[in-house]
Amino acid sequence: MAGLFKWSVRKSDAAPAAAPPAVSPEPALTASKVLPRFLAVVSHQPAPVLVDLGGVVGANVSFFGDRLSCRLIVEDLVALVEAHAKRPGPGGLSAAFAKQLGTLEPESVDGILCWDLFDYLDRKTGQELAARLATLLKKGGALYGFFGTTPAELTHYTRFVVQAPDAFRHRRYPATPTRRQVLMNRDLAKMFEGLTVAESVLLKTGARETLFRKS
């Protein structure tokens, strides 16, 4: 409007120029030894079906689509975790997960991206979800995830942004605080009954990057 009516501000009356907003540094790249294995497994299918249990990340949609020519189904279970933390619904998280995944047929999926979802679940909910995910995988399919190794209080969620077949960045955003459920290797083997641990690597971040296979 000032331009339209030829308004102007005298220099003596002008407010000091605002400082430019601070730019957050780009999160550092984290190397992955297990993601390439996951990609190798699902790439054996001509048009694989992948399920991502995290939120929509545009870079990931492009990466997996370009690299695998796959169908990527995003079932944001992390959003359900946060909604339940704020206002628990009838039947708890297990019921919400079952409803969200209810349209997926057994043995219809080639790969599942869990990211660090299980860190936010109690043991019973985790066991029920793991059993459901195992039924969704086709024989030869793969499940990829991260599992924290310290019983810390979690105050943020993490989006894993894939940058290359062997690297990603972490982008954090606030979460209702919850206590991480630490799962040892024997716990994982029992929880994901029907799947086998094909590879497990402890990262510098303290997370265990894990690949499960269905034989």
C-alpha atoms as a PDB file:
ATOM      1  CA  MET A   1       0.000   0.000   0.000  1.00  0.00           C
ATOM      2  CA  ALA A   2       2.890   2.371   0.701  1.00  0.00           C
ATOM      3  CA  GLY A   3       4.006   2.032  -2.902  1.00  0.00           C
ATOM      4  CA  LEU A   4       0.470   2.590  -4.175  1.00  0.00           C
ATOM      5  CA  PHE A   5      -0.055   5.881  -2.316  1.00  0.00           C
ATOM      6  CA  LYS A   6       3.573   7.076  -2.525  1.00  0.00           C
ATOM      7  CA  TRP A   7       4.036   6.760   1.183  1.00  0.00           C
ATOM      8  CA  SER A   8       7.572   6.920   2.495  1.00  0.00           C
ATOM      9  CA  VAL A   9       9.410   6.714   5.780  1.00  0.00           C
ATOM     10  CA  ARG A  10      11.977   9.327   6.733  1.00  0.00           C
ATOM     11  CA  LYS A  11      15.306   7.790   7.645  1.00  0.00           C
ATOM     12  CA  SER A  12      15.270   9.499  11.020  1.00  0.00           C
ATOM     13  CA  ASP A  13      11.905   7.861  11.874  1.00  0.00           C
ATOM     14  CA  ALA A  14      12.562   4.432  10.404  1.00  0.00           C
ATOM     15  CA  ALA A  15      12.881   1.483  12.717  1.00  0.00           C
ATOM     16  CA  PRO A  16      16.257  -0.213  12.660  1.00  0.00           C
ATOM     17  CA  ALA A  17      16.457  -2.999  10.122  1.00  0.00           C
ATOM     18  CA  ALA A  18      15.646  -6.362  11.604  1.00  0.00           C
ATOM     19  CA  ALA A  19      18.461  -8.858  11.761  1.00  0.00           C
ATOM     20  CA  PRO A  20      18.076 -11.697   9.255  1.00  0.00           C
ATOM     21  CA  PRO A  21      16.621 -14.841  10.833  1.00  0.00           C
ATOM     22  CA  ALA A  22      19.162 -17.329  12.064  1.00  0.00           C
ATOM     23  CA  VAL A  23      19.629 -20.255   9.736  1.00  0.00           C
ATOM     24  CA  SER A  24      19.762 -23.634  11.466  1.00  0.00           C
ATOM     25  CA  PRO A  25      22.780 -25.640  10.424  1.00  0.00           C
ATOM     26  CA  GLU A  26      22.089 -28.568   8.143  1.00  0.00           C
ATOM     27  CA  PRO A  27      22.057 -31.773  10.205  1.00  0.00           C
ATOM     28  CA  ALA A  28      25.171 -33.848   9.702  1.00  0.00           C
ATOM     29  CA  LEU A  29      25.079 -36.886   7.472  1.00  0.00           C
ATOM     30  CA  THR A  30      24.892 -40.255   9.215  1.00  0.00           C
ATOM     31  CA  ALA A  31      26.441 -43.190   7.409  1.00  0.00           C
ATOM     32  CA  SER A  32      24.343 -46.333   7.048  1.00  0.00           C
ATOM     33  CA  LYS A  33      25.602 -49.865   6.582  1.00  0.00           C
ATOM     34  CA  VAL A  34      22.187 -51.512   6.686  1.00  0.00           C
ATOM     35  CA  LEU A  35      20.121 -49.324   4.340  1.00  0.00           C
ATOM     36  CA  PRO A  36      22.074 -50.558   1.281  1.00  0.00           C
ATOM     37  CA  ARG A  37      21.198 -54.128   2.268  1.00  0.00           C
ATOM     38  CA  PHE A  38      17.525 -53.200   2.555  1.00  0.00           C
ATOM     39  CA  LEU A  39      17.607 -51.589  -0.879  1.00  0.00           C
ATOM     40  CA  ALA A  40      19.310 -54.633  -2.358  1.00  0.00           C
ATOM     41  CA  VAL A  41      16.640 -56.953  -0.977  1.00  0.00           C
ATOM     42  CA  VAL A  42      13.595 -55.017  -2.173  1.00  0.00           C
ATOM     43  CA  SER A  43      15.160 -54.154  -5.547  1.00  0.00           C
ATOM     44  CA  HIS A  44      14.908 -57.809  -6.563  1.00  0.00           C
ATOM     45  CA  GLN A  45      11.181 -57.247  -7.131  1.00  0.00           C
ATOM     46  CA  PRO A  46      10.236 -55.550 -10.438  1.00  0.00           C
ATOM     47  CA  ALA A  47       7.753 -53.157  -8.787  1.00  0.00           C
ATOM     48  CA  PRO A  48       8.150 -53.492  -5.010  1.00  0.00           C
ATOM     49  CA  VAL A  49       5.598 -52.296  -2.497  1.00  0.00           C
ATOM     50  CA  LEU A  50       7.073 -50.411   0.477  1.00  0.00           C
ATOM     51  CA  VAL A  51       5.328 -49.231   3.634  1.00  0.00           C
ATOM     52  CA  ASP A  52       6.800 -46.270   5.529  1.00  0.00           C
ATOM     53  CA  LEU A  53       5.617 -46.054   9.153  1.00  0.00           C
ATOM     54  CA  GLY A  54       6.943 -42.503   9.573  1.00  0.00           C
ATOM     55  CA  GLY A  55       5.576 -39.253   8.224  1.00  0.00           C
ATOM     56  CA  VAL A  56       5.762 -38.056   4.649  1.00  0.00           C
ATOM     57  CA  VAL A  57       9.265 -36.906   3.687  1.00  0.00           C
ATOM     58  CA  GLY A  58       9.416 -35.565   0.139  1.00  0.00           C
ATOM     59  CA  ALA A  59      13.085 -36.441  -0.301  1.00  0.00           C
ATOM     60  CA  ASN A  60      12.385 -40.048   0.679  1.00  0.00           C
ATOM     61  CA  VAL A  61       9.435 -40.344  -1.675  1.00  0.00           C
ATOM     62  CA  SER A  62      11.660 -39.167  -4.514  1.00  0.00           C
ATOM     63  CA  PHE A  63      14.602 -41.333  -3.477  1.00  0.00           C
ATOM     64  CA  PHE A  64      12.728 -44.617  -3.194  1.00  0.00           C
ATOM     65  CA  GLY A  65      10.566 -43.888  -6.228  1.00  0.00           C
ATOM     66  CA  ASP A  66      13.527 -43.063  -8.452  1.00  0.00           C
ATOM     67  CA  ARG A  67      15.734 -45.871  -7.202  1.00  0.00           C
ATOM     68  CA  LEU A  68      13.207 -48.698  -6.946  1.00  0.00           C
ATOM     69  CA  SER A  69      10.264 -47.640  -9.142  1.00  0.00           C
ATOM     70  CA  CYS A  70       8.207 -48.752  -6.183  1.00  0.00           C
ATOM     71  CA  ARG A  71       4.815 -48.086  -4.714  1.00  0.00           C
ATOM     72  CA  LEU A  72       5.426 -46.293  -1.416  1.00  0.00           C
ATOM     73  CA  ILE A  73       2.589 -46.356   1.112  1.00  0.00           C
ATOM     74  CA  VAL A  74       3.024 -43.881   3.980  1.00  0.00           C
ATOM     75  CA  GLU A  75       1.188 -44.956   7.149  1.00  0.00           C
ATOM     76  CA  ASP A  76       2.247 -42.290   9.643  1.00  0.00           C
ATOM     77  CA  LEU A  77       2.082 -44.322  12.859  1.00  0.00           C
ATOM     78  CA  VAL A  78       4.289 -41.762  14.613  1.00  0.00           C
ATOM     79  CA  ALA A  79       1.419 -39.267  14.338  1.00  0.00           C
ATOM     80  CA  LEU A  80      -0.823 -41.811  16.063  1.00  0.00           C
ATOM     81  CA  VAL A  81       1.729 -42.177  18.860  1.00  0.00           C
ATOM     82  CA  GLU A  82       1.668 -38.424  19.465  1.00  0.00           C
ATOM     83  CA  ALA A  83      -2.133 -38.215  19.242  1.00  0.00           C
ATOM     84  CA  HIS A  84      -2.440 -41.062  21.750  1.00  0.00           C
ATOM     85  CA  ALA A  85       0.059 -39.390  24.105  1.00  0.00           C
ATOM     86  CA  LYS A  86      -2.117 -36.281  24.167  1.00  0.00           C
ATOM     87  CA  ARG A  87      -5.503 -38.001  24.250  1.00  0.00           C
ATOM     88  CA  PRO A  88      -5.613 -41.802  24.574  1.00  0.00           C
ATOM     89  CA  GLY A  89      -8.351 -43.397  22.521  1.00  0.00           C
ATOM     90  CA  PRO A  90     -10.431 -46.517  23.185  1.00  0.00           C
ATOM     91  CA  GLY A  91      -8.417 -49.676  22.712  1.00  0.00           C
ATOM     92  CA  GLY A  92      -5.131 -47.801  22.975  1.00  0.00           C
ATOM     93  CA  LEU A  93      -2.431 -47.577  20.356  1.00  0.00           C
ATOM     94  CA  SER A  94      -2.811 -51.190  19.275  1.00  0.00           C
ATOM     95  CA  ALA A  95      -6.377 -50.511  18.135  1.00  0.00           C
ATOM     96  CA  ALA A  96      -5.296 -47.334  16.324  1.00  0.00           C
ATOM     97  CA  PHE A  97      -2.467 -49.187  14.567  1.00  0.00           C
ATOM     98  CA  ALA A  98      -4.770 -52.034  13.559  1.00  0.00           C
ATOM     99  CA  LYS A  99      -7.244 -49.584  12.041  1.00  0.00           C
ATOM    100  CA  GLN A 100      -4.502 -47.659  10.201  1.00  0.00           C
ATOM    101  CA  LEU A 101      -2.984 -50.802   8.713  1.00  0.00           C
ATOM    102  CA  GLY A 102      -6.288 -52.567   8.181  1.00  0.00           C
ATOM    103  CA  THR A 103      -6.393 -52.050   4.400  1.00  0.00           C
ATOM    104  CA  LEU A 104      -3.093 -53.893   3.857  1.00  0.00           C
ATOM    105  CA  GLU A 105      -3.423 -57.563   2.979  1.00  0.00           C
ATOM    106  CA  PRO A 106      -1.221 -60.273   4.499  1.00  0.00           C
ATOM    107  CA  GLU A 107       1.947 -60.949   2.489  1.00  0.00           C
ATOM    108  CA  SER A 108       1.345 -57.923   0.251  1.00  0.00           C
ATOM    109  CA  VAL A 109       4.446 -55.869   1.134  1.00  0.00           C
ATOM    110  CA  ASP A 110       8.079 -56.243   0.025  1.00  0.00           C
ATOM    111  CA  GLY A 111       9.653 -53.822   2.504  1.00  0.00           C
ATOM    112  CA  ILE A 112       8.753 -51.931   5.671  1.00  0.00           C
ATOM    113  CA  LEU A 113      10.518 -48.825   7.011  1.00  0.00           C
ATOM    114  CA  CYS A 114       9.973 -48.634  10.771  1.00  0.00           C
ATOM    115  CA  TRP A 115      12.672 -46.053  11.513  1.00  0.00           C
ATOM    116  CA  ASP A 116      12.730 -45.568  15.336  1.00  0.00           C
ATOM    117  CA  LEU A 117       8.999 -46.072  15.942  1.00  0.00           C
ATOM    118  CA  PHE A 118       9.441 -48.929  18.434  1.00  0.00           C
ATOM    119  CA  ASP A 119      11.418 -46.696  20.823  1.00  0.00           C
ATOM    120  CA  TYR A 120       8.124 -44.945  21.653  1.00  0.00           C
ATOM    121  CA  LEU A 121       6.018 -48.053  22.283  1.00  0.00           C
ATOM    122  CA  ASP A 122       5.486 -50.061  25.430  1.00  0.00           C
ATOM    123  CA  ARG A 123       6.459 -53.719  25.185  1.00  0.00           C
ATOM    124  CA  LYS A 124       2.935 -55.111  24.696  1.00  0.00           C
ATOM    125  CA  THR A 125       2.050 -52.614  21.949  1.00  0.00           C
ATOM    126  CA  GLY A 126       5.393 -53.253  20.281  1.00  0.00           C
ATOM    127  CA  GLN A 127       4.850 -57.010  20.292  1.00  0.00           C
ATOM    128  CA  GLU A 128       1.400 -56.680  18.760  1.00  0.00           C
ATOM    129  CA  LEU A 129       2.616 -54.301  16.054  1.00  0.00           C
ATOM    130  CA  ALA A 130       5.642 -56.466  15.241  1.00  0.00           C
ATOM    131  CA  ALA A 131       3.415 -59.508  14.808  1.00  0.00           C
ATOM    132  CA  ARG A 132       1.135 -57.600  12.434  1.00  0.00           C
ATOM    133  CA  LEU A 133       4.057 -56.282  10.384  1.00  0.00           C
ATOM    134  CA  ALA A 134       5.499 -59.783  10.060  1.00  0.00           C
ATOM    135  CA  THR A 135       2.231 -60.978   8.507  1.00  0.00           C
ATOM    136  CA  LEU A 136       2.261 -58.104   5.996  1.00  0.00           C
ATOM    137  CA  LEU A 137       5.657 -59.026   4.553  1.00  0.00           C
ATOM    138  CA  LYS A 138       5.964 -61.330   1.595  1.00  0.00           C
ATOM    139  CA  LYS A 139       8.400 -64.210   1.815  1.00  0.00           C
ATOM    140  CA  GLY A 140      11.842 -62.774   1.160  1.00  0.00           C
ATOM    141  CA  GLY A 141      10.699 -59.324   2.266  1.00  0.00           C
ATOM    142  CA  ALA A 142      12.644 -57.010   4.575  1.00  0.00           C
ATOM    143  CA  LEU A 143      11.951 -54.756   7.548  1.00  0.00           C
ATOM    144  CA  TYR A 144      14.323 -51.912   8.431  1.00  0.00           C
ATOM    145  CA  GLY A 145      14.465 -50.133  11.762  1.00  0.00           C
ATOM    146  CA  PHE A 146      16.409 -48.380  14.513  1.00  0.00           C
ATOM    147  CA  PHE A 147      16.334 -49.353  18.179  1.00  0.00           C
ATOM    148  CA  GLY A 148      17.760 -47.180  20.933  1.00  0.00           C
ATOM    149  CA  THR A 149      20.156 -48.762  23.422  1.00  0.00           C
ATOM    150  CA  THR A 150      19.793 -46.408  26.401  1.00  0.00           C
ATOM    151  CA  PRO A 151      16.709 -45.940  28.654  1.00  0.00           C
ATOM    152  CA  ALA A 152      16.472 -42.182  28.084  1.00  0.00           C
ATOM    153  CA  GLU A 153      13.464 -39.869  28.145  1.00  0.00           C
ATOM    154  CA  LEU A 154      12.493 -39.034  24.572  1.00  0.00           C
ATOM    155  CA  THR A 155      11.378 -35.451  23.975  1.00  0.00           C
ATOM    156  CA  HIS A 156      11.513 -35.391  20.182  1.00  0.00           C
ATOM    157  CA  TYR A 157      10.675 -37.475  17.141  1.00  0.00           C
ATOM    158  CA  THR A 158      13.101 -37.914  14.272  1.00  0.00           C
ATOM    159  CA  ARG A 159      12.522 -37.810  10.547  1.00  0.00           C
ATOM    160  CA  PHE A 160      15.137 -39.819   8.695  1.00  0.00           C
ATOM    161  CA  VAL A 161      15.843 -38.038   5.417  1.00  0.00           C
ATOM    162  CA  VAL A 162      17.601 -40.337   2.969  1.00  0.00           C
ATOM    163  CA  GLN A 163      20.368 -38.540   1.075  1.00  0.00           C
ATOM    164  CA  ALA A 164      22.082 -41.497  -0.607  1.00  0.00           C
ATOM    165  CA  PRO A 165      21.883 -45.303  -0.553  1.00  0.00           C
ATOM    166  CA  ASP A 166      24.222 -45.271   2.445  1.00  0.00           C
ATOM    167  CA  ALA A 167      23.514 -41.946   4.186  1.00  0.00           C
ATOM    168  CA  PHE A 168      20.696 -39.949   5.765  1.00  0.00           C
ATOM    169  CA  ARG A 169      20.103 -36.889   7.938  1.00  0.00           C
ATOM    170  CA  HIS A 170      18.134 -36.618  11.187  1.00  0.00           C
ATOM    171  CA  ARG A 171      15.512 -33.879  11.465  1.00  0.00           C
ATOM    172  CA  ARG A 172      14.012 -33.559  14.932  1.00  0.00           C
ATOM    173  CA  TYR A 173      10.665 -32.141  16.030  1.00  0.00           C
ATOM    174  CA  PRO A 174       8.968 -32.000  19.462  1.00  0.00           C
ATOM    175  CA  ALA A 175       7.258 -34.971  21.064  1.00  0.00           C
ATOM    176  CA  THR A 176       5.266 -35.511  24.203  1.00  0.00           C
ATOM    177  CA  PRO A 177       7.948 -36.899  26.544  1.00  0.00           C
ATOM    178  CA  THR A 178       8.032 -40.667  26.929  1.00  0.00           C
ATOM    179  CA  ARG A 179      10.483 -43.197  28.293  1.00  0.00           C
ATOM    180  CA  ARG A 180      12.295 -45.255  25.678  1.00  0.00           C
ATOM    181  CA  GLN A 181      11.680 -48.967  25.822  1.00  0.00           C
ATOM    182  CA  VAL A 182      15.109 -50.521  25.329  1.00  0.00           C
ATOM    183  CA  LEU A 183      15.043 -53.779  23.386  1.00  0.00           C
ATOM    184  CA  MET A 184      18.008 -56.120  23.519  1.00  0.00           C
ATOM    185  CA  ASN A 185      18.812 -58.458  20.634  1.00  0.00           C
ATOM    186  CA  ARG A 186      17.019 -61.342  22.327  1.00  0.00           C
ATOM    187  CA  ASP A 187      13.954 -59.104  22.827  1.00  0.00           C
ATOM    188  CA  LEU A 188      13.940 -58.198  19.139  1.00  0.00           C
ATOM    189  CA  ALA A 189      14.226 -61.824  18.074  1.00  0.00           C
ATOM    190  CA  LYS A 190      11.253 -62.727  20.255  1.00  0.00           C
ATOM    191  CA  MET A 191       9.186 -59.681  19.340  1.00  0.00           C
ATOM    192  CA  PHE A 192       9.632 -60.128  15.579  1.00  0.00           C
ATOM    193  CA  GLU A 193       8.846 -63.821  15.611  1.00  0.00           C
ATOM    194  CA  GLY A 194       8.688 -65.143  12.054  1.00  0.00           C
ATOM    195  CA  LEU A 195      11.487 -62.804  10.954  1.00  0.00           C
ATOM    196  CA  THR A 196      15.228 -63.247  11.314  1.00  0.00           C
ATOM    197  CA  VAL A 197      17.845 -60.589  12.058  1.00  0.00           C
ATOM    198  CA  ALA A 198      19.899 -60.424   8.846  1.00  0.00           C
ATOM    199  CA  GLU A 199      22.137 -57.565   9.975  1.00  0.00           C
ATOM    200  CA  SER A 200      22.544 -55.359  13.048  1.00  0.00           C
ATOM    201  CA  VAL A 201      24.972 -52.434  13.391  1.00  0.00           C
ATOM    202  CA  LEU A 202      25.487 -50.129  16.362  1.00  0.00           C
ATOM    203  CA  LEU A 203      25.736 -46.520  15.127  1.00  0.00           C
ATOM    204  CA  LYS A 204      27.627 -43.643  16.734  1.00  0.00           C
ATOM    205  CA  THR A 205      24.245 -42.136  17.622  1.00  0.00           C
ATOM    206  CA  GLY A 206      23.662 -45.048  20.000  1.00  0.00           C
ATOM    207  CA  ALA A 207      20.926 -46.580  17.866  1.00  0.00           C
ATOM    208  CA  ARG A 208      21.063 -50.127  16.576  1.00  0.00           C
ATOM    209  CA  GLU A 209      20.344 -50.168  12.844  1.00  0.00           C
ATOM    210  CA  THR A 210      18.692 -53.493  12.061  1.00  0.00           C
ATOM    211  CA  LEU A 211      17.503 -55.455   9.045  1.00  0.00           C
ATOM    212  CA  PHE A 212      14.969 -58.280   9.422  1.00  0.00           C
ATOM    213  CA  ARG A 213      14.139 -60.797   6.710  1.00  0.00           C
ATOM    214  CA  LYS A 214      11.167 -63.083   6.198  1.00  0.00           C
ATOM    215  CA  SER A 215      12.179 -66.474   4.888  1.00  0.00           C
END
